[in-house]
Amino acid sequence: MPACEEVYAQGVAIDNENFGLACVKDGEDLISPRPVRLECTDGRILLFNDLAWGYYGEPMEITADDDPSKMPEVAVDECLAPAPGGGPAPADQAEDS
């Protein structure tokens, strides 16, 4: 079982294959972080779990152990914000055409 510090490291690109893998934290605790996946209005995919967060294909940000929320609230708010200009998101436009 890999160490959590190896799987969830600052700056590592997030991918579907590794984000959400179980790991060993502090050499003894088995952690099985369940990832949350959000499709953003700008087309990006936001992933987060108890250990890290970031956008698919972009660098990972590590969540502090003492962070009470574990959810990147600002990133989630930005992800789900209406598309610029108040119009429909790009995916919605494709459905209407």
C-alpha atoms as a PDB file:
ATOM      1  CA  MET A   1       0.000   0.000   0.000  1.00  0.00           C
ATOM      2  CA  PRO A   2       1.535   3.374  -0.985  1.00  0.00           C
ATOM      3  CA  ALA A   3       2.125   6.168   1.504  1.00  0.00           C
ATOM      4  CA  CYS A   4      -0.448   8.968   1.254  1.00  0.00           C
ATOM      5  CA  GLU A   5       2.396  11.454   0.833  1.00  0.00           C
ATOM      6  CA  GLU A   6       3.369   9.666  -2.399  1.00  0.00           C
ATOM      7  CA  VAL A   7      -0.121   9.554  -3.922  1.00  0.00           C
ATOM      8  CA  TYR A   8      -1.348  12.934  -2.692  1.00  0.00           C
ATOM      9  CA  ALA A   9       1.529  15.381  -3.167  1.00  0.00           C
ATOM     10  CA  GLN A  10       1.481  19.125  -3.792  1.00  0.00           C
ATOM     11  CA  GLY A  11       1.726  19.894  -7.503  1.00  0.00           C
ATOM     12  CA  VAL A  12       1.142  16.365  -8.853  1.00  0.00           C
ATOM     13  CA  ALA A  13      -1.311  16.389 -11.774  1.00  0.00           C
ATOM     14  CA  ILE A  14      -4.717  15.001 -10.840  1.00  0.00           C
ATOM     15  CA  ASP A  15      -5.968  12.034 -12.847  1.00  0.00           C
ATOM     16  CA  ASN A  16      -8.849   9.596 -12.502  1.00  0.00           C
ATOM     17  CA  GLU A  17      -6.491   6.636 -12.092  1.00  0.00           C
ATOM     18  CA  ASN A  18      -4.804   7.730  -8.863  1.00  0.00           C
ATOM     19  CA  PHE A  19      -7.102  10.282  -7.235  1.00  0.00           C
ATOM     20  CA  GLY A  20      -9.094   8.325  -4.672  1.00  0.00           C
ATOM     21  CA  LEU A  21      -6.565   5.535  -4.124  1.00  0.00           C
ATOM     22  CA  ALA A  22      -6.310   4.095  -0.624  1.00  0.00           C
ATOM     23  CA  CYS A  23      -3.036   4.817   1.128  1.00  0.00           C
ATOM     24  CA  VAL A  24      -1.208   4.611   4.443  1.00  0.00           C
ATOM     25  CA  LYS A  25      -0.912   7.834   6.434  1.00  0.00           C
ATOM     26  CA  ASP A  26       1.847   8.412   8.979  1.00  0.00           C
ATOM     27  CA  GLY A  27       3.106   4.874   8.404  1.00  0.00           C
ATOM     28  CA  GLU A  28       0.199   3.170  10.155  1.00  0.00           C
ATOM     29  CA  ASP A  29      -3.312   4.480   9.390  1.00  0.00           C
ATOM     30  CA  LEU A  30      -5.058   3.060   6.325  1.00  0.00           C
ATOM     31  CA  ILE A  31      -6.991   5.851   4.584  1.00  0.00           C
ATOM     32  CA  SER A  32      -9.525   5.298   1.819  1.00  0.00           C
ATOM     33  CA  PRO A  33     -10.470   8.800   0.647  1.00  0.00           C
ATOM     34  CA  ARG A  34     -13.694   8.937  -1.346  1.00  0.00           C
ATOM     35  CA  PRO A  35     -13.362  11.470  -4.143  1.00  0.00           C
ATOM     36  CA  VAL A  36     -16.058  13.977  -5.015  1.00  0.00           C
ATOM     37  CA  ARG A  37     -16.211  14.939  -8.688  1.00  0.00           C
ATOM     38  CA  LEU A  38     -17.940  18.123  -9.878  1.00  0.00           C
ATOM     39  CA  GLU A  39     -18.409  19.240 -13.473  1.00  0.00           C
ATOM     40  CA  CYS A  40     -17.825  22.985 -13.460  1.00  0.00           C
ATOM     41  CA  THR A  41     -19.778  25.507 -15.517  1.00  0.00           C
ATOM     42  CA  ASP A  42     -16.544  26.370 -17.355  1.00  0.00           C
ATOM     43  CA  GLY A  43     -16.067  22.755 -18.470  1.00  0.00           C
ATOM     44  CA  ARG A  44     -13.343  21.783 -16.003  1.00  0.00           C
ATOM     45  CA  ILE A  45     -13.686  18.867 -13.566  1.00  0.00           C
ATOM     46  CA  LEU A  46     -13.060  19.589  -9.863  1.00  0.00           C
ATOM     47  CA  LEU A  47     -12.048  16.633  -7.701  1.00  0.00           C
ATOM     48  CA  PHE A  48     -11.549  16.644  -3.939  1.00  0.00           C
ATOM     49  CA  ASN A  49     -11.330  14.280  -0.989  1.00  0.00           C
ATOM     50  CA  ASP A  50     -10.120  14.477   2.620  1.00  0.00           C
ATOM     51  CA  LEU A  51      -6.471  14.701   1.549  1.00  0.00           C
ATOM     52  CA  ALA A  52      -6.306  16.930  -1.538  1.00  0.00           C
ATOM     53  CA  TRP A  53      -8.194  18.801  -4.249  1.00  0.00           C
ATOM     54  CA  GLY A  54      -7.750  20.243  -7.704  1.00  0.00           C
ATOM     55  CA  TYR A  55      -8.937  20.227 -11.287  1.00  0.00           C
ATOM     56  CA  TYR A  56      -8.497  17.196 -13.525  1.00  0.00           C
ATOM     57  CA  GLY A  57      -5.145  17.395 -15.317  1.00  0.00           C
ATOM     58  CA  GLU A  58      -3.973  20.325 -13.181  1.00  0.00           C
ATOM     59  CA  PRO A  59      -1.702  20.440 -10.104  1.00  0.00           C
ATOM     60  CA  MET A  60      -3.054  19.022  -6.848  1.00  0.00           C
ATOM     61  CA  GLU A  61      -3.447  21.126  -3.707  1.00  0.00           C
ATOM     62  CA  ILE A  62      -3.013  19.370  -0.368  1.00  0.00           C
ATOM     63  CA  THR A  63      -5.740  19.839   2.256  1.00  0.00           C
ATOM     64  CA  ALA A  64      -4.400  20.658   5.724  1.00  0.00           C
ATOM     65  CA  ASP A  65      -4.942  17.956   8.348  1.00  0.00           C
ATOM     66  CA  ASP A  66      -6.496  20.521  10.687  1.00  0.00           C
ATOM     67  CA  ASP A  67      -8.892  21.916   8.048  1.00  0.00           C
ATOM     68  CA  PRO A  68     -12.349  21.255   9.546  1.00  0.00           C
ATOM     69  CA  SER A  69     -14.182  21.284   6.204  1.00  0.00           C
ATOM     70  CA  LYS A  70     -11.930  19.242   3.868  1.00  0.00           C
ATOM     71  CA  MET A  71     -14.025  20.727   1.041  1.00  0.00           C
ATOM     72  CA  PRO A  72     -12.319  23.500  -0.946  1.00  0.00           C
ATOM     73  CA  GLU A  73     -15.243  25.878  -0.487  1.00  0.00           C
ATOM     74  CA  VAL A  74     -13.942  28.741  -2.665  1.00  0.00           C
ATOM     75  CA  ALA A  75     -13.085  26.341  -5.517  1.00  0.00           C
ATOM     76  CA  VAL A  76     -16.508  24.654  -5.269  1.00  0.00           C
ATOM     77  CA  ASP A  77     -18.270  28.039  -5.337  1.00  0.00           C
ATOM     78  CA  GLU A  78     -16.248  29.118  -8.385  1.00  0.00           C
ATOM     79  CA  CYS A  79     -16.833  25.771 -10.089  1.00  0.00           C
ATOM     80  CA  LEU A  80     -20.598  25.979  -9.726  1.00  0.00           C
ATOM     81  CA  ALA A  81     -20.926  29.715 -10.432  1.00  0.00           C
ATOM     82  CA  PRO A  82     -23.043  30.680 -13.454  1.00  0.00           C
ATOM     83  CA  ALA A  83     -21.194  31.031 -16.733  1.00  0.00           C
ATOM     84  CA  PRO A  84     -19.761  34.505 -17.478  1.00  0.00           C
ATOM     85  CA  GLY A  85     -22.331  36.896 -18.900  1.00  0.00           C
ATOM     86  CA  GLY A  86     -25.201  35.165 -17.128  1.00  0.00           C
ATOM     87  CA  GLY A  87     -25.914  32.932 -20.107  1.00  0.00           C
ATOM     88  CA  PRO A  88     -26.025  29.168 -20.155  1.00  0.00           C
ATOM     89  CA  ALA A  89     -22.888  27.101 -19.564  1.00  0.00           C
ATOM     90  CA  PRO A  90     -21.066  25.837 -22.695  1.00  0.00           C
ATOM     91  CA  ALA A  91     -22.519  22.330 -22.238  1.00  0.00           C
ATOM     92  CA  ASP A  92     -26.037  23.791 -22.148  1.00  0.00           C
ATOM     93  CA  GLN A  93     -25.407  25.723 -25.360  1.00  0.00           C
ATOM     94  CA  ALA A  94     -24.386  22.522 -27.133  1.00  0.00           C
ATOM     95  CA  GLU A  95     -27.626  20.843 -26.090  1.00  0.00           C
ATOM     96  CA  ASP A  96     -29.725  23.721 -27.422  1.00  0.00           C
ATOM     97  CA  SER A  97     -28.135  23.750 -30.874  1.00  0.00           C
END
